[in-house]
C-alpha atoms as a PDB file:
ATOM      1  CA  MET A   1      26.807  -5.278 -36.945  1.00  0.00           C
ATOM      2  CA  TYR A   2      23.663  -6.985 -35.597  1.00  0.00           C
ATOM      3  CA  TYR A   3      22.213  -5.623 -32.532  1.00  0.00           C
ATOM      4  CA  PHE A   4      20.126  -7.866 -30.187  1.00  0.00           C
ATOM      5  CA  VAL A   5      17.482  -6.744 -27.571  1.00  0.00           C
ATOM      6  CA  VAL A   6      16.854  -9.640 -25.112  1.00  0.00           C
ATOM      7  CA  ASN A   7      13.984 -10.041 -22.650  1.00  0.00           C
ATOM      8  CA  LYS A   8      15.526 -12.604 -20.371  1.00  0.00           C
ATOM      9  CA  ILE A   9      12.193 -13.287 -18.541  1.00  0.00           C
ATOM     10  CA  SER A  10      10.048 -13.839 -21.576  1.00  0.00           C
ATOM     11  CA  GLY A  11       8.316 -17.256 -21.609  1.00  0.00           C
ATOM     12  CA  ASN A  12       9.320 -17.703 -17.984  1.00  0.00           C
ATOM     13  CA  GLY A  13      12.989 -17.464 -18.731  1.00  0.00           C
ATOM     14  CA  ASN A  14      13.010 -18.775 -22.201  1.00  0.00           C
ATOM     15  CA  GLY A  15      14.342 -15.528 -23.526  1.00  0.00           C
ATOM     16  CA  LEU A  16      17.611 -16.030 -21.660  1.00  0.00           C
ATOM     17  CA  LYS A  17      17.890 -19.683 -22.645  1.00  0.00           C
ATOM     18  CA  VAL A  18      17.271 -18.836 -26.418  1.00  0.00           C
ATOM     19  CA  TRP A  19      19.870 -15.902 -26.277  1.00  0.00           C
ATOM     20  CA  THR A  20      22.456 -18.288 -24.774  1.00  0.00           C
ATOM     21  CA  LYS A  21      22.070 -20.692 -27.828  1.00  0.00           C
ATOM     22  CA  VAL A  22      21.842 -17.798 -30.332  1.00  0.00           C
ATOM     23  CA  GLU A  23      24.967 -16.228 -28.952  1.00  0.00           C
ATOM     24  CA  LYS A  24      26.889 -19.464 -29.376  1.00  0.00           C
ATOM     25  CA  LEU A  25      25.804 -19.708 -32.960  1.00  0.00           C
ATOM     26  CA  LEU A  26      26.874 -16.042 -33.660  1.00  0.00           C
ATOM     27  CA  GLN A  27      30.356 -16.819 -32.267  1.00  0.00           C
ATOM     28  CA  GLU A  28      30.581 -19.945 -34.375  1.00  0.00           C
ATOM     29  CA  LYS A  29      29.671 -17.989 -37.510  1.00  0.00           C
ATOM     30  CA  GLN A  30      31.889 -15.174 -36.490  1.00  0.00           C
ATOM     31  CA  VAL A  31      29.065 -12.579 -36.830  1.00  0.00           C
ATOM     32  CA  ASN A  32      29.655  -9.083 -35.260  1.00  0.00           C
ATOM     33  CA  TYR A  33      27.013  -8.380 -32.732  1.00  0.00           C
ATOM     34  CA  GLN A  34      26.146  -6.339 -29.686  1.00  0.00           C
ATOM     35  CA  VAL A  35      23.434  -7.244 -27.037  1.00  0.00           C
ATOM     36  CA  ARG A  36      21.293  -5.458 -24.433  1.00  0.00           C
ATOM     37  CA  PHE A  37      19.080  -6.965 -21.892  1.00  0.00           C
ATOM     38  CA  THR A  38      15.838  -5.329 -20.859  1.00  0.00           C
ATOM     39  CA  GLU A  39      15.628  -4.338 -17.183  1.00  0.00           C
ATOM     40  CA  ARG A  40      12.270  -2.617 -16.936  1.00  0.00           C
ATOM     41  CA  PRO A  41       8.929  -2.091 -18.753  1.00  0.00           C
ATOM     42  CA  LYS A  42       9.538  -0.132 -22.044  1.00  0.00           C
ATOM     43  CA  HIS A  43      13.198  -0.481 -21.687  1.00  0.00           C
ATOM     44  CA  ALA A  44      13.325  -2.145 -25.047  1.00  0.00           C
ATOM     45  CA  VAL A  45      11.803   1.000 -26.687  1.00  0.00           C
ATOM     46  CA  GLU A  46      14.733   2.931 -25.358  1.00  0.00           C
ATOM     47  CA  ILE A  47      17.392   0.437 -26.327  1.00  0.00           C
ATOM     48  CA  ALA A  48      16.013   0.109 -29.807  1.00  0.00           C
ATOM     49  CA  LYS A  49      16.111   3.960 -30.275  1.00  0.00           C
ATOM     50  CA  GLU A  50      19.663   3.977 -29.232  1.00  0.00           C
ATOM     51  CA  PHE A  51      20.584   1.176 -31.581  1.00  0.00           C
ATOM     52  CA  SER A  52      18.652   2.936 -34.538  1.00  0.00           C
ATOM     53  CA  SER A  53      21.255   5.671 -34.471  1.00  0.00           C
ATOM     54  CA  GLU A  54      24.124   3.160 -35.214  1.00  0.00           C
ATOM     55  CA  GLN A  55      25.097   1.570 -38.480  1.00  0.00           C
ATOM     56  CA  CYS A  56      23.607  -1.911 -38.389  1.00  0.00           C
ATOM     57  CA  TYR A  57      22.036  -4.571 -40.429  1.00  0.00           C
ATOM     58  CA  ALA A  58      19.239  -5.106 -38.072  1.00  0.00           C
ATOM     59  CA  VAL A  59      17.895  -4.938 -34.540  1.00  0.00           C
ATOM     60  CA  VAL A  60      16.665  -8.312 -33.380  1.00  0.00           C
ATOM     61  CA  ALA A  61      14.184  -8.933 -30.605  1.00  0.00           C
ATOM     62  CA  ILE A  62      14.469 -12.073 -28.620  1.00  0.00           C
ATOM     63  CA  GLY A  63      11.246 -12.334 -26.603  1.00  0.00           C
ATOM     64  CA  GLY A  64       7.519 -12.459 -27.080  1.00  0.00           C
ATOM     65  CA  ASP A  65       5.074 -10.129 -28.765  1.00  0.00           C
ATOM     66  CA  GLY A  66       5.329  -7.599 -26.035  1.00  0.00           C
ATOM     67  CA  THR A  67       9.081  -7.327 -26.661  1.00  0.00           C
ATOM     68  CA  VAL A  68       8.589  -7.178 -30.352  1.00  0.00           C
ATOM     69  CA  HIS A  69       6.057  -4.359 -29.676  1.00  0.00           C
ATOM     70  CA  ASP A  70       8.594  -2.259 -27.799  1.00  0.00           C
ATOM     71  CA  VAL A  71      11.433  -2.843 -30.182  1.00  0.00           C
ATOM     72  CA  ALA A  72       9.276  -1.890 -33.130  1.00  0.00           C
ATOM     73  CA  ASN A  73       8.176   1.227 -31.415  1.00  0.00           C
ATOM     74  CA  GLY A  74      11.793   2.256 -30.983  1.00  0.00           C
ATOM     75  CA  LEU A  75      12.586   1.608 -34.688  1.00  0.00           C
ATOM     76  CA  ILE A  76       9.595   3.315 -36.377  1.00  0.00           C
ATOM     77  CA  GLY A  77      10.973   5.927 -38.793  1.00  0.00           C
ATOM     78  CA  SER A  78      14.527   4.638 -38.822  1.00  0.00           C
ATOM     79  CA  ASN A  79      14.628   2.333 -41.957  1.00  0.00           C
ATOM     80  CA  ILE A  80      16.430  -0.253 -39.782  1.00  0.00           C
ATOM     81  CA  PRO A  81      14.852  -3.614 -40.130  1.00  0.00           C
ATOM     82  CA  LEU A  82      13.401  -5.530 -37.152  1.00  0.00           C
ATOM     83  CA  GLY A  83      14.407  -9.186 -36.779  1.00  0.00           C
ATOM     84  CA  ILE A  84      12.444 -11.684 -34.455  1.00  0.00           C
ATOM     85  CA  ILE A  85      13.594 -14.675 -32.741  1.00  0.00           C
ATOM     86  CA  PRO A  86      10.496 -15.978 -30.842  1.00  0.00           C
ATOM     87  CA  ALA A  87      10.942 -16.594 -27.142  1.00  0.00           C
ATOM     88  CA  GLY A  88       7.556 -15.779 -25.571  1.00  0.00           C
ATOM     89  CA  SER A  89       4.404 -17.617 -24.730  1.00  0.00           C
ATOM     90  CA  GLY A  90       2.270 -16.594 -27.768  1.00  0.00           C
ATOM     91  CA  ASN A  91       4.649 -15.335 -30.500  1.00  0.00           C
ATOM     92  CA  ASP A  92       1.653 -14.462 -32.636  1.00  0.00           C
ATOM     93  CA  LEU A  93       3.625 -12.109 -34.960  1.00  0.00           C
ATOM     94  CA  ALA A  94       6.136 -14.695 -35.735  1.00  0.00           C
ATOM     95  CA  ARG A  95       3.361 -17.206 -36.554  1.00  0.00           C
ATOM     96  CA  ALA A  96       1.765 -14.770 -38.918  1.00  0.00           C
ATOM     97  CA  LEU A  97       5.018 -13.915 -40.616  1.00  0.00           C
ATOM     98  CA  ASP A  98       5.984 -17.627 -40.959  1.00  0.00           C
ATOM     99  CA  ILE A  99       9.110 -16.995 -38.737  1.00  0.00           C
ATOM    100  CA  PRO A 100      10.362 -20.285 -37.469  1.00  0.00           C
ATOM    101  CA  MET A 101       9.920 -20.998 -33.841  1.00  0.00           C
ATOM    102  CA  ASP A 102      13.272 -22.856 -33.936  1.00  0.00           C
ATOM    103  CA  TYR A 103      15.925 -20.284 -33.012  1.00  0.00           C
ATOM    104  CA  LYS A 104      18.554 -21.709 -35.431  1.00  0.00           C
ATOM    105  CA  LYS A 105      16.212 -21.340 -38.408  1.00  0.00           C
ATOM    106  CA  ALA A 106      14.957 -17.907 -37.215  1.00  0.00           C
ATOM    107  CA  LEU A 107      18.636 -16.792 -36.981  1.00  0.00           C
ATOM    108  CA  GLU A 108      19.340 -18.176 -40.333  1.00  0.00           C
ATOM    109  CA  ARG A 109      16.477 -16.251 -41.890  1.00  0.00           C
ATOM    110  CA  ILE A 110      17.788 -12.916 -40.355  1.00  0.00           C
ATOM    111  CA  LEU A 111      21.312 -13.453 -41.596  1.00  0.00           C
ATOM    112  CA  MET A 112      19.999 -14.059 -45.094  1.00  0.00           C
ATOM    113  CA  GLY A 113      18.947 -10.441 -45.043  1.00  0.00           C
ATOM    114  CA  LYS A 114      15.675 -10.641 -47.037  1.00  0.00           C
ATOM    115  CA  GLN A 115      13.460  -7.660 -46.185  1.00  0.00           C
ATOM    116  CA  ARG A 116       9.784  -6.802 -46.509  1.00  0.00           C
ATOM    117  CA  LYS A 117       7.554  -4.022 -45.268  1.00  0.00           C
ATOM    118  CA  ILE A 118       4.357  -4.611 -43.137  1.00  0.00           C
ATOM    119  CA  ASP A 119       1.601  -2.326 -42.036  1.00  0.00           C
ATOM    120  CA  ILE A 120       1.177  -1.346 -38.437  1.00  0.00           C
ATOM    121  CA  GLY A 121      -1.532   0.354 -36.329  1.00  0.00           C
ATOM    122  CA  ARG A 122      -1.239   3.550 -34.352  1.00  0.00           C
ATOM    123  CA  ILE A 123      -2.970   4.653 -31.103  1.00  0.00           C
ATOM    124  CA  GLY A 124      -1.853   8.129 -30.285  1.00  0.00           C
ATOM    125  CA  GLU A 125       1.919   7.888 -30.076  1.00  0.00           C
ATOM    126  CA  GLU A 126       1.973   4.141 -29.715  1.00  0.00           C
ATOM    127  CA  TYR A 127       2.453   1.654 -32.534  1.00  0.00           C
ATOM    128  CA  CYS A 128       0.700  -1.604 -32.624  1.00  0.00           C
ATOM    129  CA  ILE A 129       1.846  -4.649 -34.673  1.00  0.00           C
ATOM    130  CA  THR A 130      -0.566  -7.522 -34.308  1.00  0.00           C
ATOM    131  CA  VAL A 131      -4.136  -7.118 -32.867  1.00  0.00           C
ATOM    132  CA  THR A 132      -5.760  -4.420 -30.869  1.00  0.00           C
ATOM    133  CA  GLY A 133      -8.273  -5.883 -28.478  1.00  0.00           C
ATOM    134  CA  ILE A 134     -11.014  -3.760 -26.825  1.00  0.00           C
ATOM    135  CA  GLY A 135     -13.292  -4.960 -24.048  1.00  0.00           C
ATOM    136  CA  PHE A 136     -13.419  -8.574 -22.941  1.00  0.00           C
ATOM    137  CA  ASP A 137     -10.112  -9.535 -24.491  1.00  0.00           C
ATOM    138  CA  GLY A 138      -8.482  -6.456 -23.003  1.00  0.00           C
ATOM    139  CA  LYS A 139      -9.446  -7.552 -19.674  1.00  0.00           C
ATOM    140  CA  VAL A 140      -8.247 -11.134 -20.474  1.00  0.00           C
ATOM    141  CA  ALA A 141      -4.846  -9.775 -21.442  1.00  0.00           C
ATOM    142  CA  GLU A 142      -4.577  -7.894 -18.258  1.00  0.00           C
ATOM    143  CA  VAL A 143      -5.574 -10.980 -16.257  1.00  0.00           C
ATOM    144  CA  SER A 144      -3.160 -13.181 -18.216  1.00  0.00           C
ATOM    145  CA  ASN A 145      -0.264 -10.986 -17.940  1.00  0.00           C
ATOM    146  CA  THR A 146      -0.354 -10.822 -14.114  1.00  0.00           C
ATOM    147  CA  SER A 147      -1.595 -14.599 -13.655  1.00  0.00           C
ATOM    148  CA  LYS A 148       0.559 -17.073 -11.646  1.00  0.00           C
ATOM    149  CA  TYR A 149      -0.550 -19.864 -13.975  1.00  0.00           C
ATOM    150  CA  LYS A 150       1.021 -18.114 -17.056  1.00  0.00           C
ATOM    151  CA  ASN A 151       4.486 -18.683 -15.660  1.00  0.00           C
ATOM    152  CA  TRP A 152       3.674 -22.337 -14.672  1.00  0.00           C
ATOM    153  CA  LEU A 153       2.291 -23.023 -18.241  1.00  0.00           C
ATOM    154  CA  ASN A 154       5.356 -21.361 -19.878  1.00  0.00           C
ATOM    155  CA  PHE A 155       7.612 -23.605 -17.770  1.00  0.00           C
ATOM    156  CA  VAL A 156       5.904 -26.802 -18.968  1.00  0.00           C
ATOM    157  CA  ARG A 157       5.717 -25.428 -22.542  1.00  0.00           C
ATOM    158  CA  LEU A 158       2.075 -24.852 -22.691  1.00  0.00           C
ATOM    159  CA  GLY A 159       2.189 -21.013 -22.488  1.00  0.00           C
ATOM    160  CA  ASN A 160      -0.458 -20.555 -25.298  1.00  0.00           C
ATOM    161  CA  LEU A 161      -3.170 -22.263 -22.866  1.00  0.00           C
ATOM    162  CA  SER A 162      -2.863 -19.248 -20.386  1.00  0.00           C
ATOM    163  CA  TYR A 163      -5.054 -17.112 -22.517  1.00  0.00           C
ATOM    164  CA  GLY A 164      -7.822 -19.720 -22.505  1.00  0.00           C
ATOM    165  CA  LEU A 165      -7.668 -19.998 -18.753  1.00  0.00           C
ATOM    166  CA  SER A 166      -7.738 -16.233 -18.450  1.00  0.00           C
ATOM    167  CA  VAL A 167     -10.897 -16.255 -20.585  1.00  0.00           C
ATOM    168  CA  LEU A 168     -12.654 -18.507 -18.195  1.00  0.00           C
ATOM    169  CA  HIS A 169     -11.544 -16.321 -15.335  1.00  0.00           C
ATOM    170  CA  VAL A 170     -12.803 -13.098 -16.760  1.00  0.00           C
ATOM    171  CA  LEU A 171     -16.078 -14.594 -18.129  1.00  0.00           C
ATOM    172  CA  LEU A 172     -17.391 -15.003 -14.580  1.00  0.00           C
ATOM    173  CA  ASN A 173     -17.985 -11.276 -13.921  1.00  0.00           C
ATOM    174  CA  TYR A 174     -17.561  -9.458 -17.151  1.00  0.00           C
ATOM    175  CA  ARG A 175     -20.451  -7.327 -18.412  1.00  0.00           C
ATOM    176  CA  PRO A 176     -20.846  -6.455 -22.164  1.00  0.00           C
ATOM    177  CA  VAL A 177     -21.365  -3.001 -23.252  1.00  0.00           C
ATOM    178  CA  ASN A 178     -22.954  -0.961 -25.858  1.00  0.00           C
ATOM    179  CA  ILE A 179     -20.445   0.513 -28.474  1.00  0.00           C
ATOM    180  CA  GLN A 180     -20.446   3.341 -31.018  1.00  0.00           C
ATOM    181  CA  LEU A 181     -18.013   2.682 -33.940  1.00  0.00           C
ATOM    182  CA  LYS A 182     -16.844   4.971 -36.620  1.00  0.00           C
ATOM    183  CA  VAL A 183     -15.093   2.986 -39.411  1.00  0.00           C
ATOM    184  CA  ASP A 184     -13.572   5.216 -42.237  1.00  0.00           C
ATOM    185  CA  GLY A 185     -16.233   7.844 -41.411  1.00  0.00           C
ATOM    186  CA  LYS A 186     -19.145   5.499 -41.259  1.00  0.00           C
ATOM    187  CA  ASN A 187     -21.109   5.421 -37.873  1.00  0.00           C
ATOM    188  CA  LEU A 188     -22.152   1.975 -36.623  1.00  0.00           C
ATOM    189  CA  ALA A 189     -23.848   0.982 -33.298  1.00  0.00           C
ATOM    190  CA  PHE A 190     -23.467  -2.552 -31.572  1.00  0.00           C
ATOM    191  CA  PHE A 191     -25.255  -3.583 -28.474  1.00  0.00           C
ATOM    192  CA  ASN A 192     -24.080  -5.945 -25.632  1.00  0.00           C
ATOM    193  CA  VAL A 193     -20.582  -6.044 -27.090  1.00  0.00           C
ATOM    194  CA  TRP A 194     -18.118  -8.545 -25.566  1.00  0.00           C
ATOM    195  CA  LEU A 195     -15.198  -7.545 -27.682  1.00  0.00           C
ATOM    196  CA  ILE A 196     -13.797  -5.677 -30.662  1.00  0.00           C
ATOM    197  CA  ALA A 197     -10.556  -6.935 -32.291  1.00  0.00           C
ATOM    198  CA  ILE A 198      -8.794  -4.605 -34.745  1.00  0.00           C
ATOM    199  CA  ALA A 199      -6.482  -6.911 -36.608  1.00  0.00           C
ATOM    200  CA  ASN A 200      -3.429  -6.446 -38.667  1.00  0.00           C
ATOM    201  CA  ILE A 201      -2.674 -10.231 -38.686  1.00  0.00           C
ATOM    202  CA  PRO A 202      -5.055 -13.116 -38.293  1.00  0.00           C
ATOM    203  CA  ASN A 203      -4.163 -14.389 -34.730  1.00  0.00           C
ATOM    204  CA  TYR A 204      -3.641 -13.349 -31.202  1.00  0.00           C
ATOM    205  CA  GLY A 205      -3.654 -15.029 -27.763  1.00  0.00           C
ATOM    206  CA  GLY A 206      -1.231 -17.630 -28.828  1.00  0.00           C
ATOM    207  CA  GLY A 207      -2.992 -18.842 -32.059  1.00  0.00           C
ATOM    208  CA  ILE A 208      -6.595 -17.733 -31.840  1.00  0.00           C
ATOM    209  CA  ARG A 209      -7.592 -16.778 -35.387  1.00  0.00           C
ATOM    210  CA  ILE A 210      -9.790 -13.910 -34.375  1.00  0.00           C
ATOM    211  CA  CYS A 211      -9.691 -12.320 -37.889  1.00  0.00           C
ATOM    212  CA  PRO A 212      -8.681 -15.245 -40.158  1.00  0.00           C
ATOM    213  CA  ASP A 213      -8.582 -13.043 -43.352  1.00  0.00           C
ATOM    214  CA  ALA A 214      -6.462 -10.202 -41.914  1.00  0.00           C
ATOM    215  CA  CYS A 215      -3.262  -9.412 -43.964  1.00  0.00           C
ATOM    216  CA  TYR A 216      -0.372  -7.466 -42.702  1.00  0.00           C
ATOM    217  CA  ASN A 217       0.331  -5.670 -46.103  1.00  0.00           C
ATOM    218  CA  ASP A 218      -3.080  -4.828 -47.594  1.00  0.00           C
ATOM    219  CA  GLY A 219      -3.472  -1.365 -45.969  1.00  0.00           C
ATOM    220  CA  LEU A 220      -6.595  -2.434 -44.112  1.00  0.00           C
ATOM    221  CA  PHE A 221      -7.554  -3.682 -40.726  1.00  0.00           C
ATOM    222  CA  ASP A 222      -9.896  -6.568 -40.244  1.00  0.00           C
ATOM    223  CA  ILE A 223     -12.320  -5.796 -37.365  1.00  0.00           C
ATOM    224  CA  CYS A 224     -14.233  -8.505 -35.437  1.00  0.00           C
ATOM    225  CA  ILE A 225     -17.159  -7.473 -33.230  1.00  0.00           C
ATOM    226  CA  VAL A 226     -18.662 -10.008 -30.912  1.00  0.00           C
ATOM    227  CA  HIS A 227     -22.075  -8.949 -29.670  1.00  0.00           C
ATOM    228  CA  ASN A 228     -25.623 -10.001 -28.681  1.00  0.00           C
ATOM    229  CA  MET A 229     -24.656 -13.436 -27.241  1.00  0.00           C
ATOM    230  CA  THR A 230     -24.957 -15.017 -23.706  1.00  0.00           C
ATOM    231  CA  LYS A 231     -21.965 -16.069 -21.682  1.00  0.00           C
ATOM    232  CA  TRP A 232     -22.836 -19.614 -22.450  1.00  0.00           C
ATOM    233  CA  GLU A 233     -22.924 -18.942 -26.269  1.00  0.00           C
ATOM    234  CA  LEU A 234     -19.569 -17.067 -26.005  1.00  0.00           C
ATOM    235  CA  LEU A 235     -18.090 -20.039 -24.087  1.00  0.00           C
ATOM    236  CA  ARG A 236     -19.289 -22.465 -26.675  1.00  0.00           C
ATOM    237  CA  MET A 237     -18.025 -20.373 -29.520  1.00  0.00           C
ATOM    238  CA  PHE A 238     -14.506 -19.841 -28.105  1.00  0.00           C
ATOM    239  CA  PRO A 239     -12.845 -23.004 -29.227  1.00  0.00           C
ATOM    240  CA  LYS A 240     -14.013 -22.455 -32.686  1.00  0.00           C
ATOM    241  CA  ALA A 241     -11.949 -19.171 -32.823  1.00  0.00           C
ATOM    242  CA  TYR A 242      -8.696 -21.230 -32.894  1.00  0.00           C
ATOM    243  CA  LYS A 243      -9.668 -22.337 -36.409  1.00  0.00           C
ATOM    244  CA  GLY A 244     -11.417 -19.066 -37.344  1.00  0.00           C
ATOM    245  CA  LYS A 245     -14.890 -20.739 -37.400  1.00  0.00           C
ATOM    246  CA  HIS A 246     -16.458 -18.286 -34.971  1.00  0.00           C
ATOM    247  CA  VAL A 247     -17.002 -15.861 -37.818  1.00  0.00           C
ATOM    248  CA  LEU A 248     -19.987 -17.998 -38.964  1.00  0.00           C
ATOM    249  CA  HIS A 249     -21.848 -17.207 -35.702  1.00  0.00           C
ATOM    250  CA  PRO A 250     -24.735 -14.564 -36.156  1.00  0.00           C
ATOM    251  CA  GLY A 251     -23.318 -12.784 -33.009  1.00  0.00           C
ATOM    252  CA  VAL A 252     -20.063 -12.021 -34.796  1.00  0.00           C
ATOM    253  CA  THR A 253     -19.791  -9.108 -37.334  1.00  0.00           C
ATOM    254  CA  MET A 254     -16.640  -8.684 -39.567  1.00  0.00           C
ATOM    255  CA  ILE A 255     -15.841  -5.441 -41.384  1.00  0.00           C
ATOM    256  CA  LYS A 256     -12.688  -3.859 -42.830  1.00  0.00           C
ATOM    257  CA  GLY A 257     -11.330  -0.266 -42.499  1.00  0.00           C
ATOM    258  CA  LYS A 258      -8.362   2.039 -42.246  1.00  0.00           C
ATOM    259  CA  GLN A 259      -9.488   4.099 -39.319  1.00  0.00           C
ATOM    260  CA  VAL A 260     -11.522   2.996 -36.243  1.00  0.00           C
ATOM    261  CA  GLU A 261     -12.944   5.081 -33.528  1.00  0.00           C
ATOM    262  CA  VAL A 262     -14.531   3.392 -30.648  1.00  0.00           C
ATOM    263  CA  THR A 263     -16.604   4.852 -27.834  1.00  0.00           C
ATOM    264  CA  SER A 264     -18.500   2.999 -25.081  1.00  0.00           C
ATOM    265  CA  GLU A 265     -21.006   3.374 -22.344  1.00  0.00           C
ATOM    266  CA  TRP A 266     -18.253   3.211 -19.815  1.00  0.00           C
ATOM    267  CA  PRO A 267     -14.348   3.045 -20.267  1.00  0.00           C
ATOM    268  CA  ILE A 268     -13.220  -0.383 -21.236  1.00  0.00           C
ATOM    269  CA  ILE A 269      -9.610  -1.767 -21.470  1.00  0.00           C
ATOM    270  CA  VAL A 270      -7.618  -1.538 -24.790  1.00  0.00           C
ATOM    271  CA  GLN A 271      -4.660  -3.884 -25.327  1.00  0.00           C
ATOM    272  CA  SER A 272      -2.460  -4.308 -28.220  1.00  0.00           C
ATOM    273  CA  ASP A 273       0.234  -6.905 -28.861  1.00  0.00           C
ATOM    274  CA  GLY A 274      -0.788  -8.252 -25.435  1.00  0.00           C
ATOM    275  CA  GLU A 275       0.238  -4.934 -23.732  1.00  0.00           C
ATOM    276  CA  ILE A 276      -2.399  -2.789 -21.945  1.00  0.00           C
ATOM    277  CA  LEU A 277      -2.384   0.606 -23.539  1.00  0.00           C
ATOM    278  CA  THR A 278      -5.376   2.667 -22.485  1.00  0.00           C
ATOM    279  CA  LYS A 279      -9.210   2.664 -22.175  1.00  0.00           C
ATOM    280  CA  THR A 280     -11.851   3.805 -24.486  1.00  0.00           C
ATOM    281  CA  PRO A 281     -12.629   6.175 -26.223  1.00  0.00           C
ATOM    282  CA  VAL A 282      -9.792   5.225 -28.659  1.00  0.00           C
ATOM    283  CA  ASN A 283      -8.884   5.949 -32.249  1.00  0.00           C
ATOM    284  CA  VAL A 284      -6.851   3.331 -34.225  1.00  0.00           C
ATOM    285  CA  THR A 285      -5.417   4.109 -37.696  1.00  0.00           C
ATOM    286  CA  ILE A 286      -3.403   2.154 -40.065  1.00  0.00           C
ATOM    287  CA  GLN A 287       0.011   3.023 -41.087  1.00  0.00           C
ATOM    288  CA  LYS A 288       0.760   1.404 -44.435  1.00  0.00           C
ATOM    289  CA  LYS A 289       4.067  -0.463 -44.869  1.00  0.00           C
ATOM    290  CA  ALA A 290       5.504   1.443 -41.977  1.00  0.00           C
ATOM    291  CA  LEU A 291       7.761  -1.239 -40.475  1.00  0.00           C
ATOM    292  CA  LEU A 292      10.691  -3.067 -42.099  1.00  0.00           C
ATOM    293  CA  ILE A 293      11.025  -6.784 -41.049  1.00  0.00           C
ATOM    294  CA  ILE A 294      14.088  -8.930 -41.904  1.00  0.00           C
END
């Protein structure tokens, strides 16, 4: 039996459209399945936990990175693999794992049954799959998630542009902050920090290669600190991040580590997988090969 968790409103209704097509294929292939639809925030976590007690081949998330985040949090520790059929605006984990954006090919991949383990991050009791963004990009995620233009861009199939528009929106009033980092026990100080990205995969925000060398199974985070630059410099650098070329800027510091503690002058937003989690201070640790992907 395959179990599906569907976020009908992902990608401005794309989740439901994709599921309708996937269900037709499942019926044609005579695959046994059950489906549940999310009805509220974090409902996917509850559903995945219920499914994890059943005998099943996989629990498949149909939605965006937020849906995948919740389903993964419900499956941690169960040894049941997570399948992904992308239906969101960014789909960054699917990109990093080379999961096809086409629903037919994504389903075929799941039914083939090949499995692999990937690392994940942990913040308190929450597990994080892609990138944890602290500061400016945390605020950008908050604005993007509540923006009216995100739904419109999803409707015209340009959902990945919503992050860029939110960057411009936040840039007008955002103030950089002084940060204290402790990475694997080593204390570091950075001044006028715009953002810290703690990455398990290279990309976030719909394809921004914030940590281009990040690898989901090397047991390490790649950490990007953007600091000591003006708003104009940040704006000029931003397009380069889509190809990972921002790392050449003197105001960008790249380091690696397994455990990252972040404190700041004042509390700043922490997001992971596009979901707002908390504010600083925060402690992020790597959990090596803790999630099974099919």
